[in-house]
C-alpha atoms as a PDB file:
ATOM      1  CA  MET A   1      47.631 -32.846  10.859  1.00  0.00           C
ATOM      2  CA  ILE A   2      48.329 -31.323  14.419  1.00  0.00           C
ATOM      3  CA  ALA A   3      45.106 -29.728  14.255  1.00  0.00           C
ATOM      4  CA  LEU A   4      43.249 -32.945  13.396  1.00  0.00           C
ATOM      5  CA  ILE A   5      45.046 -34.810  16.244  1.00  0.00           C
ATOM      6  CA  LEU A   6      43.906 -32.282  19.002  1.00  0.00           C
ATOM      7  CA  ARG A   7      40.475 -32.220  17.542  1.00  0.00           C
ATOM      8  CA  ARG A   8      40.045 -35.904  17.410  1.00  0.00           C
ATOM      9  CA  GLY A   9      41.580 -36.202  20.885  1.00  0.00           C
ATOM     10  CA  ALA A  10      39.168 -33.712  22.388  1.00  0.00           C
ATOM     11  CA  LEU A  11      36.324 -35.336  20.864  1.00  0.00           C
ATOM     12  CA  SER A  12      37.475 -38.743  22.110  1.00  0.00           C
ATOM     13  CA  LEU A  13      37.801 -37.249  25.768  1.00  0.00           C
ATOM     14  CA  VAL A  14      34.109 -35.912  25.283  1.00  0.00           C
ATOM     15  CA  THR A  15      33.039 -39.297  24.311  1.00  0.00           C
ATOM     16  CA  LEU A  16      34.703 -41.116  27.049  1.00  0.00           C
ATOM     17  CA  PHE A  17      32.957 -38.688  29.554  1.00  0.00           C
ATOM     18  CA  LEU A  18      29.507 -39.498  28.038  1.00  0.00           C
ATOM     19  CA  LEU A  19      30.276 -43.243  27.947  1.00  0.00           C
ATOM     20  CA  ALA A  20      31.439 -43.116  31.533  1.00  0.00           C
ATOM     21  CA  SER A  21      28.242 -41.575  32.613  1.00  0.00           C
ATOM     22  CA  PHE A  22      26.384 -43.980  30.623  1.00  0.00           C
ATOM     23  CA  ILE A  23      27.970 -46.799  32.251  1.00  0.00           C
ATOM     24  CA  PHE A  24      27.427 -45.558  35.458  1.00  0.00           C
ATOM     25  CA  PHE A  25      23.523 -45.203  35.221  1.00  0.00           C
ATOM     26  CA  ALA A  26      23.320 -48.252  33.280  1.00  0.00           C
ATOM     27  CA  THR A  27      24.890 -50.479  36.049  1.00  0.00           C
ATOM     28  CA  GLU A  28      22.907 -48.591  38.862  1.00  0.00           C
ATOM     29  CA  VAL A  29      19.587 -49.872  37.565  1.00  0.00           C
ATOM     30  CA  LEU A  30      20.715 -53.476  37.702  1.00  0.00           C
ATOM     31  CA  PRO A  31      18.649 -55.376  40.291  1.00  0.00           C
ATOM     32  CA  GLY A  32      19.703 -56.368  43.570  1.00  0.00           C
ATOM     33  CA  ASP A  33      23.150 -55.594  45.096  1.00  0.00           C
ATOM     34  CA  ALA A  34      26.347 -57.110  46.446  1.00  0.00           C
ATOM     35  CA  LEU A  35      24.863 -57.467  49.971  1.00  0.00           C
ATOM     36  CA  ASP A  36      21.692 -59.191  48.813  1.00  0.00           C
ATOM     37  CA  VAL A  37      23.850 -61.961  46.706  1.00  0.00           C
ATOM     38  CA  SER A  38      26.328 -62.321  49.689  1.00  0.00           C
ATOM     39  CA  LEU A  39      23.662 -63.332  51.999  1.00  0.00           C
ATOM     40  CA  SER A  40      21.592 -66.595  51.833  1.00  0.00           C
ATOM     41  CA  ALA A  41      17.702 -66.510  51.471  1.00  0.00           C
ATOM     42  CA  ASP A  42      17.489 -67.539  54.958  1.00  0.00           C
ATOM     43  CA  GLU A  43      19.790 -64.925  56.308  1.00  0.00           C
ATOM     44  CA  ILE A  44      17.949 -62.338  54.498  1.00  0.00           C
ATOM     45  CA  ALA A  45      14.521 -63.543  55.822  1.00  0.00           C
ATOM     46  CA  ASN A  46      15.699 -63.721  59.316  1.00  0.00           C
ATOM     47  CA  MET A  47      17.479 -60.444  59.405  1.00  0.00           C
ATOM     48  CA  PRO A  48      15.603 -57.494  60.931  1.00  0.00           C
ATOM     49  CA  ALA A  49      15.071 -54.564  58.717  1.00  0.00           C
ATOM     50  CA  GLU A  50      16.863 -52.110  60.880  1.00  0.00           C
ATOM     51  CA  VAL A  51      19.936 -54.521  60.759  1.00  0.00           C
ATOM     52  CA  MET A  52      19.883 -54.686  57.004  1.00  0.00           C
ATOM     53  CA  ALA A  53      19.465 -50.853  56.724  1.00  0.00           C
ATOM     54  CA  ARG A  54      22.557 -50.456  58.764  1.00  0.00           C
ATOM     55  CA  ARG A  55      24.762 -52.815  56.904  1.00  0.00           C
ATOM     56  CA  LYS A  56      23.692 -51.158  53.745  1.00  0.00           C
ATOM     57  CA  ALA A  57      24.453 -47.857  55.399  1.00  0.00           C
ATOM     58  CA  GLU A  58      28.082 -49.342  56.287  1.00  0.00           C
ATOM     59  CA  LEU A  59      28.629 -50.426  52.407  1.00  0.00           C
ATOM     60  CA  GLY A  60      27.405 -47.092  51.180  1.00  0.00           C
ATOM     61  CA  LEU A  61      24.622 -48.688  49.179  1.00  0.00           C
ATOM     62  CA  ASP A  62      21.924 -46.425  50.675  1.00  0.00           C
ATOM     63  CA  ARG A  63      23.639 -43.104  49.358  1.00  0.00           C
ATOM     64  CA  PRO A  64      21.688 -41.002  46.839  1.00  0.00           C
ATOM     65  CA  ILE A  65      22.464 -41.848  43.067  1.00  0.00           C
ATOM     66  CA  LEU A  66      23.725 -38.243  42.418  1.00  0.00           C
ATOM     67  CA  GLU A  67      26.131 -38.663  45.270  1.00  0.00           C
ATOM     68  CA  ARG A  68      27.381 -41.916  44.155  1.00  0.00           C
ATOM     69  CA  TYR A  69      27.586 -40.511  40.402  1.00  0.00           C
ATOM     70  CA  LEU A  70      29.960 -37.657  41.511  1.00  0.00           C
ATOM     71  CA  GLY A  71      32.105 -39.980  43.744  1.00  0.00           C
ATOM     72  CA  PHE A  72      32.469 -42.294  40.629  1.00  0.00           C
ATOM     73  CA  MET A  73      33.544 -39.335  38.369  1.00  0.00           C
ATOM     74  CA  ASP A  74      35.919 -37.933  41.080  1.00  0.00           C
ATOM     75  CA  GLY A  75      37.581 -41.288  41.373  1.00  0.00           C
ATOM     76  CA  LEU A  76      38.069 -41.537  37.475  1.00  0.00           C
ATOM     77  CA  LEU A  77      39.691 -38.133  37.450  1.00  0.00           C
ATOM     78  CA  ARG A  78      42.127 -39.445  40.466  1.00  0.00           C
ATOM     79  CA  PHE A  79      42.450 -42.677  38.282  1.00  0.00           C
ATOM     80  CA  ASP A  80      40.951 -44.415  41.309  1.00  0.00           C
ATOM     81  CA  LEU A  81      38.432 -47.187  40.273  1.00  0.00           C
ATOM     82  CA  GLY A  82      37.184 -47.689  43.845  1.00  0.00           C
ATOM     83  CA  ARG A  83      36.903 -50.775  45.916  1.00  0.00           C
ATOM     84  CA  THR A  84      34.546 -53.985  46.049  1.00  0.00           C
ATOM     85  CA  ILE A  85      31.529 -53.624  48.135  1.00  0.00           C
ATOM     86  CA  ILE A  86      31.738 -56.775  50.175  1.00  0.00           C
ATOM     87  CA  THR A  87      35.585 -57.415  50.445  1.00  0.00           C
ATOM     88  CA  ARG A  88      36.736 -53.958  49.965  1.00  0.00           C
ATOM     89  CA  ALA A  89      39.561 -54.910  47.494  1.00  0.00           C
ATOM     90  CA  PRO A  90      40.896 -52.447  45.101  1.00  0.00           C
ATOM     91  CA  VAL A  91      39.043 -52.805  41.803  1.00  0.00           C
ATOM     92  CA  GLY A  92      42.168 -51.988  39.841  1.00  0.00           C
ATOM     93  CA  GLU A  93      44.156 -54.833  41.307  1.00  0.00           C
ATOM     94  CA  ILE A  94      41.296 -57.204  40.701  1.00  0.00           C
ATOM     95  CA  ILE A  95      41.052 -56.335  36.763  1.00  0.00           C
ATOM     96  CA  ALA A  96      44.890 -55.806  36.134  1.00  0.00           C
ATOM     97  CA  MET A  97      45.976 -59.362  35.701  1.00  0.00           C
ATOM     98  CA  PRO A  98      42.685 -60.472  33.559  1.00  0.00           C
ATOM     99  CA  LEU A  99      43.071 -57.342  31.408  1.00  0.00           C
ATOM    100  CA  ARG A 100      46.743 -58.133  30.840  1.00  0.00           C
ATOM    101  CA  ASN A 101      45.722 -61.429  29.573  1.00  0.00           C
ATOM    102  CA  SER A 102      42.883 -60.621  27.506  1.00  0.00           C
ATOM    103  CA  VAL A 103      45.394 -57.882  25.913  1.00  0.00           C
ATOM    104  CA  ALA A 104      48.073 -60.310  25.412  1.00  0.00           C
ATOM    105  CA  LEU A 105      45.496 -62.806  23.857  1.00  0.00           C
ATOM    106  CA  ALA A 106      44.053 -60.038  21.612  1.00  0.00           C
ATOM    107  CA  GLY A 107      47.824 -58.759  20.507  1.00  0.00           C
ATOM    108  CA  VAL A 108      48.732 -62.368  19.300  1.00  0.00           C
ATOM    109  CA  THR A 109      45.678 -62.897  17.585  1.00  0.00           C
ATOM    110  CA  LEU A 110      46.092 -59.510  15.511  1.00  0.00           C
ATOM    111  CA  LEU A 111      49.733 -60.027  14.974  1.00  0.00           C
ATOM    112  CA  LEU A 112      49.068 -63.649  13.604  1.00  0.00           C
ATOM    113  CA  ALA A 113      45.579 -62.959  11.557  1.00  0.00           C
ATOM    114  CA  LEU A 114      46.264 -59.557   9.953  1.00  0.00           C
ATOM    115  CA  PRO A 115      49.215 -60.881   7.651  1.00  0.00           C
ATOM    116  CA  VAL A 116      47.240 -63.971   6.985  1.00  0.00           C
ATOM    117  CA  ALA A 117      44.110 -62.163   6.362  1.00  0.00           C
ATOM    118  CA  LEU A 118      45.967 -59.653   4.160  1.00  0.00           C
ATOM    119  CA  ALA A 119      47.595 -62.504   2.011  1.00  0.00           C
ATOM    120  CA  ILE A 120      44.406 -64.271   1.661  1.00  0.00           C
ATOM    121  CA  ALA A 121      42.495 -61.266   0.551  1.00  0.00           C
ATOM    122  CA  MET A 122      45.086 -60.349  -2.053  1.00  0.00           C
ATOM    123  CA  ALA A 123      45.166 -63.643  -3.340  1.00  0.00           C
ATOM    124  CA  ALA A 124      41.207 -63.614  -3.558  1.00  0.00           C
ATOM    125  CA  ALA A 125      41.349 -60.328  -5.208  1.00  0.00           C
ATOM    126  CA  GLN A 126      43.787 -61.390  -7.896  1.00  0.00           C
ATOM    127  CA  ALA A 127      41.552 -64.297  -8.659  1.00  0.00           C
ATOM    128  CA  LYS A 128      38.131 -62.572  -8.585  1.00  0.00           C
ATOM    129  CA  GLY A 129      35.573 -64.879  -9.930  1.00  0.00           C
ATOM    130  CA  ARG A 130      37.710 -67.904 -10.309  1.00  0.00           C
ATOM    131  CA  ALA A 131      37.774 -71.107  -7.972  1.00  0.00           C
ATOM    132  CA  LEU A 132      40.273 -69.603  -5.464  1.00  0.00           C
ATOM    133  CA  ASP A 133      38.001 -66.435  -4.919  1.00  0.00           C
ATOM    134  CA  ASN A 134      35.028 -68.763  -4.445  1.00  0.00           C
ATOM    135  CA  ALA A 135      36.769 -71.065  -2.179  1.00  0.00           C
ATOM    136  CA  VAL A 136      38.018 -68.064  -0.089  1.00  0.00           C
ATOM    137  CA  SER A 137      34.835 -66.419   0.009  1.00  0.00           C
ATOM    138  CA  GLY A 138      32.913 -69.405   1.136  1.00  0.00           C
ATOM    139  CA  ALA A 139      35.551 -70.390   3.826  1.00  0.00           C
ATOM    140  CA  ALA A 140      35.306 -66.653   5.161  1.00  0.00           C
ATOM    141  CA  ILE A 141      31.751 -66.916   5.210  1.00  0.00           C
ATOM    142  CA  ILE A 142      31.693 -70.081   7.200  1.00  0.00           C
ATOM    143  CA  GLY A 143      34.264 -69.121   9.541  1.00  0.00           C
ATOM    144  CA  TYR A 144      32.785 -65.922  10.427  1.00  0.00           C
ATOM    145  CA  SER A 145      29.383 -67.295  10.692  1.00  0.00           C
ATOM    146  CA  VAL A 146      30.096 -70.010  12.917  1.00  0.00           C
ATOM    147  CA  PRO A 147      30.162 -68.972  16.813  1.00  0.00           C
ATOM    148  CA  GLU A 148      33.101 -69.044  18.532  1.00  0.00           C
ATOM    149  CA  PHE A 149      32.247 -71.545  21.143  1.00  0.00           C
ATOM    150  CA  VAL A 150      31.243 -73.939  18.480  1.00  0.00           C
ATOM    151  CA  THR A 151      34.630 -73.558  16.968  1.00  0.00           C
ATOM    152  CA  GLY A 152      36.462 -73.822  20.360  1.00  0.00           C
ATOM    153  CA  LEU A 153      34.564 -77.052  21.195  1.00  0.00           C
ATOM    154  CA  LEU A 154      35.392 -78.443  17.963  1.00  0.00           C
ATOM    155  CA  LEU A 155      39.098 -77.794  18.281  1.00  0.00           C
ATOM    156  CA  ILE A 156      39.002 -79.441  21.775  1.00  0.00           C
ATOM    157  CA  ALA A 157      37.396 -82.501  20.671  1.00  0.00           C
ATOM    158  CA  VAL A 158      39.859 -82.859  17.851  1.00  0.00           C
ATOM    159  CA  PHE A 159      43.097 -81.712  19.271  1.00  0.00           C
ATOM    160  CA  ALA A 160      42.556 -82.371  22.873  1.00  0.00           C
ATOM    161  CA  VAL A 161      40.348 -85.495  22.860  1.00  0.00           C
ATOM    162  CA  TRP A 162      40.668 -87.577  19.859  1.00  0.00           C
ATOM    163  CA  TRP A 163      44.406 -86.495  19.348  1.00  0.00           C
ATOM    164  CA  PRO A 164      45.482 -85.251  22.863  1.00  0.00           C
ATOM    165  CA  ILE A 165      48.262 -82.935  21.662  1.00  0.00           C
ATOM    166  CA  PHE A 166      47.396 -79.517  23.306  1.00  0.00           C
ATOM    167  CA  PRO A 167      45.422 -79.043  26.683  1.00  0.00           C
ATOM    168  CA  ALA A 168      41.739 -78.297  26.732  1.00  0.00           C
ATOM    169  CA  THR A 169      41.777 -75.453  29.309  1.00  0.00           C
ATOM    170  CA  ILE A 170      44.354 -73.075  30.878  1.00  0.00           C
ATOM    171  CA  THR A 171      47.158 -75.186  33.023  1.00  0.00           C
ATOM    172  CA  ALA A 172      49.151 -72.249  34.180  1.00  0.00           C
ATOM    173  CA  SER A 173      48.568 -70.355  37.505  1.00  0.00           C
ATOM    174  CA  THR A 174      50.664 -67.237  37.158  1.00  0.00           C
ATOM    175  CA  ASP A 175      50.561 -63.501  36.567  1.00  0.00           C
ATOM    176  CA  ASP A 176      52.744 -63.539  33.556  1.00  0.00           C
ATOM    177  CA  PRO A 177      50.708 -63.217  30.373  1.00  0.00           C
ATOM    178  CA  LEU A 178      53.052 -64.859  28.535  1.00  0.00           C
ATOM    179  CA  SER A 179      53.118 -67.885  30.546  1.00  0.00           C
ATOM    180  CA  VAL A 180      49.407 -67.972  30.356  1.00  0.00           C
ATOM    181  CA  LEU A 181      49.188 -67.705  26.586  1.00  0.00           C
ATOM    182  CA  LEU A 182      51.762 -70.571  26.243  1.00  0.00           C
ATOM    183  CA  ALA A 183      49.937 -72.671  28.605  1.00  0.00           C
ATOM    184  CA  ALA A 184      46.556 -72.000  26.700  1.00  0.00           C
ATOM    185  CA  ALA A 185      48.192 -72.071  23.516  1.00  0.00           C
ATOM    186  CA  PRO A 186      47.018 -72.944  20.677  1.00  0.00           C
ATOM    187  CA  LEU A 187      43.549 -73.776  20.890  1.00  0.00           C
ATOM    188  CA  ALA A 188      42.237 -70.463  22.465  1.00  0.00           C
ATOM    189  CA  ILE A 189      44.481 -68.417  20.064  1.00  0.00           C
ATOM    190  CA  ALA A 190      43.471 -70.600  17.004  1.00  0.00           C
ATOM    191  CA  THR A 191      39.647 -70.064  18.028  1.00  0.00           C
ATOM    192  CA  THR A 192      40.052 -66.330  17.904  1.00  0.00           C
ATOM    193  CA  ILE A 193      42.135 -66.363  14.988  1.00  0.00           C
ATOM    194  CA  ILE A 194      39.800 -68.196  12.799  1.00  0.00           C
ATOM    195  CA  GLY A 195      37.150 -65.707  13.185  1.00  0.00           C
ATOM    196  CA  SER A 196      39.585 -62.677  12.732  1.00  0.00           C
ATOM    197  CA  ILE A 197      41.103 -64.072   9.594  1.00  0.00           C
ATOM    198  CA  ALA A 198      37.555 -64.620   8.256  1.00  0.00           C
ATOM    199  CA  TYR A 199      36.276 -61.131   9.164  1.00  0.00           C
ATOM    200  CA  LEU A 200      39.317 -59.019   8.062  1.00  0.00           C
ATOM    201  CA  GLY A 201      39.784 -61.065   5.032  1.00  0.00           C
ATOM    202  CA  ARG A 202      36.483 -60.286   3.615  1.00  0.00           C
ATOM    203  CA  ILE A 203      36.693 -56.816   4.240  1.00  0.00           C
ATOM    204  CA  LEU A 204      40.331 -56.368   2.683  1.00  0.00           C
ATOM    205  CA  ARG A 205      39.108 -58.488  -0.118  1.00  0.00           C
ATOM    206  CA  VAL A 206      36.153 -56.191  -1.107  1.00  0.00           C
ATOM    207  CA  GLY A 207      38.405 -53.074  -0.622  1.00  0.00           C
ATOM    208  CA  LEU A 208      41.246 -54.479  -2.940  1.00  0.00           C
ATOM    209  CA  ILE A 209      38.588 -55.662  -5.732  1.00  0.00           C
ATOM    210  CA  GLU A 210      36.964 -52.230  -5.698  1.00  0.00           C
ATOM    211  CA  VAL A 211      40.563 -50.163  -5.830  1.00  0.00           C
ATOM    212  CA  MET A 212      41.770 -52.674  -8.690  1.00  0.00           C
ATOM    213  CA  ALA A 213      38.782 -51.639 -10.652  1.00  0.00           C
ATOM    214  CA  ALA A 214      39.334 -47.962 -10.204  1.00  0.00           C
ATOM    215  CA  ASP A 215      40.376 -45.515 -12.988  1.00  0.00           C
ATOM    216  CA  PHE A 216      43.741 -44.575 -11.648  1.00  0.00           C
ATOM    217  CA  VAL A 217      44.733 -48.345 -11.426  1.00  0.00           C
ATOM    218  CA  GLU A 218      44.080 -48.649 -14.783  1.00  0.00           C
ATOM    219  CA  ARG A 219      46.083 -45.503 -15.724  1.00  0.00           C
ATOM    220  CA  LEU A 220      48.985 -46.912 -13.752  1.00  0.00           C
ATOM    221  CA  HIS A 221      48.778 -50.305 -15.831  1.00  0.00           C
ATOM    222  CA  LEU A 222      48.823 -48.356 -19.040  1.00  0.00           C
ATOM    223  CA  SER A 223      51.758 -46.392 -17.725  1.00  0.00           C
ATOM    224  CA  GLY A 224      53.858 -49.546 -17.845  1.00  0.00           C
ATOM    225  CA  ILE A 225      54.221 -49.905 -13.863  1.00  0.00           C
ATOM    226  CA  PRO A 226      54.724 -53.459 -12.862  1.00  0.00           C
ATOM    227  CA  ARG A 227      51.879 -55.180 -11.419  1.00  0.00           C
ATOM    228  CA  TRP A 228      53.359 -55.865  -7.944  1.00  0.00           C
ATOM    229  CA  ARG A 229      54.296 -51.994  -7.577  1.00  0.00           C
ATOM    230  CA  ILE A 230      50.639 -51.050  -8.198  1.00  0.00           C
ATOM    231  CA  ILE A 231      49.430 -53.354  -5.740  1.00  0.00           C
ATOM    232  CA  TRP A 232      51.851 -52.762  -2.962  1.00  0.00           C
ATOM    233  CA  LEU A 233      52.213 -49.028  -3.392  1.00  0.00           C
ATOM    234  CA  HIS A 234      49.030 -47.903  -4.711  1.00  0.00           C
ATOM    235  CA  ALA A 235      46.310 -50.242  -4.503  1.00  0.00           C
ATOM    236  CA  LEU A 236      46.808 -51.478  -1.004  1.00  0.00           C
ATOM    237  CA  PRO A 237      47.074 -48.427   0.829  1.00  0.00           C
ATOM    238  CA  ALA A 238      43.635 -47.259  -0.795  1.00  0.00           C
ATOM    239  CA  ALA A 239      42.121 -50.533   0.098  1.00  0.00           C
ATOM    240  CA  MET A 240      43.129 -50.206   3.517  1.00  0.00           C
ATOM    241  CA  ILE A 241      41.050 -46.986   4.155  1.00  0.00           C
ATOM    242  CA  PRO A 242      37.593 -48.413   4.274  1.00  0.00           C
ATOM    243  CA  GLY A 243      38.822 -51.399   6.446  1.00  0.00           C
ATOM    244  CA  LEU A 244      40.830 -49.485   9.058  1.00  0.00           C
ATOM    245  CA  SER A 245      37.638 -48.347  10.944  1.00  0.00           C
ATOM    246  CA  ALA A 246      36.123 -51.754  10.849  1.00  0.00           C
ATOM    247  CA  ALA A 247      39.495 -53.527  11.824  1.00  0.00           C
ATOM    248  CA  ALA A 248      39.657 -51.046  14.825  1.00  0.00           C
ATOM    249  CA  LEU A 249      36.218 -51.800  16.107  1.00  0.00           C
ATOM    250  CA  TYR A 250      37.251 -55.521  15.824  1.00  0.00           C
ATOM    251  CA  ALA A 251      40.473 -55.212  17.516  1.00  0.00           C
ATOM    252  CA  ALA A 252      38.522 -53.349  20.453  1.00  0.00           C
ATOM    253  CA  SER A 253      36.193 -56.216  20.537  1.00  0.00           C
ATOM    254  CA  LEU A 254      39.014 -58.878  20.902  1.00  0.00           C
ATOM    255  CA  VAL A 255      40.276 -57.100  24.020  1.00  0.00           C
ATOM    256  CA  SER A 256      36.760 -56.850  25.719  1.00  0.00           C
ATOM    257  CA  GLY A 257      34.607 -59.148  23.792  1.00  0.00           C
ATOM    258  CA  VAL A 258      36.106 -62.731  24.035  1.00  0.00           C
ATOM    259  CA  VAL A 259      33.996 -63.864  26.795  1.00  0.00           C
ATOM    260  CA  VAL A 260      32.975 -66.954  25.083  1.00  0.00           C
ATOM    261  CA  VAL A 261      36.491 -68.066  24.339  1.00  0.00           C
ATOM    262  CA  GLU A 262      37.457 -67.384  27.740  1.00  0.00           C
ATOM    263  CA  MET A 263      34.709 -69.371  29.319  1.00  0.00           C
ATOM    264  CA  VAL A 264      35.229 -72.238  27.034  1.00  0.00           C
ATOM    265  CA  PHE A 265      38.933 -72.551  27.848  1.00  0.00           C
ATOM    266  CA  ALA A 266      38.826 -71.415  31.257  1.00  0.00           C
ATOM    267  CA  TYR A 267      41.254 -68.485  30.117  1.00  0.00           C
ATOM    268  CA  PRO A 268      41.679 -66.002  33.110  1.00  0.00           C
ATOM    269  CA  GLY A 269      40.652 -62.897  31.003  1.00  0.00           C
ATOM    270  CA  ILE A 270      38.638 -59.726  31.463  1.00  0.00           C
ATOM    271  CA  GLY A 271      35.579 -61.553  30.117  1.00  0.00           C
ATOM    272  CA  ALA A 272      35.495 -64.273  32.750  1.00  0.00           C
ATOM    273  CA  GLU A 273      36.121 -61.614  35.499  1.00  0.00           C
ATOM    274  CA  LEU A 274      33.230 -59.579  34.112  1.00  0.00           C
ATOM    275  CA  VAL A 275      31.020 -62.748  34.370  1.00  0.00           C
ATOM    276  CA  ARG A 276      32.092 -63.296  38.023  1.00  0.00           C
ATOM    277  CA  ALA A 277      31.307 -59.555  38.790  1.00  0.00           C
ATOM    278  CA  VAL A 278      27.799 -59.573  37.410  1.00  0.00           C
ATOM    279  CA  THR A 279      27.188 -62.787  39.373  1.00  0.00           C
ATOM    280  CA  ARG A 280      28.229 -61.073  42.578  1.00  0.00           C
ATOM    281  CA  ARG A 281      26.595 -57.818  41.718  1.00  0.00           C
ATOM    282  CA  GLU A 282      30.039 -56.117  42.347  1.00  0.00           C
ATOM    283  CA  VAL A 283      28.850 -52.896  40.447  1.00  0.00           C
ATOM    284  CA  HIS A 284      32.295 -51.213  40.713  1.00  0.00           C
ATOM    285  CA  VAL A 285      34.181 -54.051  38.960  1.00  0.00           C
ATOM    286  CA  VAL A 286      31.534 -54.170  36.356  1.00  0.00           C
ATOM    287  CA  GLN A 287      31.820 -50.432  35.842  1.00  0.00           C
ATOM    288  CA  ALA A 288      35.546 -50.595  35.523  1.00  0.00           C
ATOM    289  CA  ILE A 289      35.638 -53.540  33.111  1.00  0.00           C
ATOM    290  CA  ALA A 290      32.991 -51.660  30.981  1.00  0.00           C
ATOM    291  CA  LEU A 291      34.999 -48.221  31.207  1.00  0.00           C
ATOM    292  CA  ALA A 292      38.182 -50.366  30.053  1.00  0.00           C
ATOM    293  CA  ALA A 293      36.215 -51.608  26.997  1.00  0.00           C
ATOM    294  CA  ALA A 294      34.859 -48.262  26.254  1.00  0.00           C
ATOM    295  CA  ILE A 295      38.519 -46.794  26.230  1.00  0.00           C
ATOM    296  CA  CYS A 296      39.612 -49.578  23.805  1.00  0.00           C
ATOM    297  CA  VAL A 297      36.880 -48.768  21.527  1.00  0.00           C
ATOM    298  CA  VAL A 298      37.492 -45.007  21.581  1.00  0.00           C
ATOM    299  CA  LEU A 299      41.408 -45.381  21.607  1.00  0.00           C
ATOM    300  CA  PHE A 300      41.321 -47.860  18.483  1.00  0.00           C
ATOM    301  CA  ASN A 301      38.713 -45.528  16.622  1.00  0.00           C
ATOM    302  CA  LEU A 302      41.047 -42.502  17.049  1.00  0.00           C
ATOM    303  CA  LEU A 303      43.880 -44.422  15.783  1.00  0.00           C
ATOM    304  CA  ALA A 304      41.918 -45.549  12.849  1.00  0.00           C
ATOM    305  CA  ASP A 305      41.146 -42.125  12.049  1.00  0.00           C
ATOM    306  CA  LEU A 306      44.541 -40.886  12.163  1.00  0.00           C
ATOM    307  CA  GLY A 307      45.601 -43.718   9.979  1.00  0.00           C
ATOM    308  CA  ILE A 308      42.829 -42.971   7.697  1.00  0.00           C
ATOM    309  CA  ALA A 309      43.970 -39.308   7.708  1.00  0.00           C
ATOM    310  CA  ALA A 310      47.571 -40.227   6.992  1.00  0.00           C
ATOM    311  CA  LEU A 311      46.651 -42.379   4.059  1.00  0.00           C
ATOM    312  CA  ASP A 312      43.945 -39.937   2.621  1.00  0.00           C
ATOM    313  CA  PRO A 313      44.771 -36.321   2.969  1.00  0.00           C
ATOM    314  CA  ARG A 314      41.283 -35.282   1.858  1.00  0.00           C
ATOM    315  CA  THR A 315      39.919 -36.511   5.238  1.00  0.00           C
ATOM    316  CA  ARG A 316      42.013 -33.991   7.145  1.00  0.00           C
ATOM    317  CA  ARG A 317      39.419 -31.472   6.398  1.00  0.00           C
END
């Protein structure tokens, strides 16, 4: 198991290096730069070419791409994400608070969605082909298919407009993620939870149905082992194996991909910060956020691989 951890860890580091390189070159081909966006059309038209060239040289926008790449990788090795192009503010300080808020939102969503999805999947698997299973399957398809912005707007219309119980948008101005969540709760959280339960519930239901139809489960039934013991100690761990990888990718997407939810509820997360950075052509901020998303994906996949190896010894080879 130790050899597996070391091997997977080394592969994850190589993957992160390749992803960081891809992120750098992908963001460098974006049209325009922060200086072009910060200036009005009249300023650009009236500014002499030599003045524009001098300002770009001062901001480092005229450096060769290889030099910028080596500087980017050197900064990552020193845990330095650089500074913004125009304001020269540290990128790490800019994304720290939005990243904490997004992690808090994703964490609460998973803590609430996972047990609910597991309970729904177990109930549906036990009632395979009956009314309960059909109802759960239909609701899961609808919940996963409806875009998050539609779900969010519907919740706002019902619980913030028709019945003004909760605020429609964030009402707190604080760096404390818990206070932000309490101010935004429960509509933003409910929007992400609905899609999470639908997605995870479908995966776990299919896994449980396949495991419950396996030969070893039938032999356990014939051995006289209680049904609840078979489900909890034998069927559920086996059903979790195919769902761990999908759940890991979904958990990573919650941290870095809830841009729509954050924009609908004015939630101060990493998605909203990414939109602002792209608008301002702040390449360093875009690179840092994309790298944070890549780290989340690689980390959750590593944890999923180790979890699968712990549940299924055959995969350790």
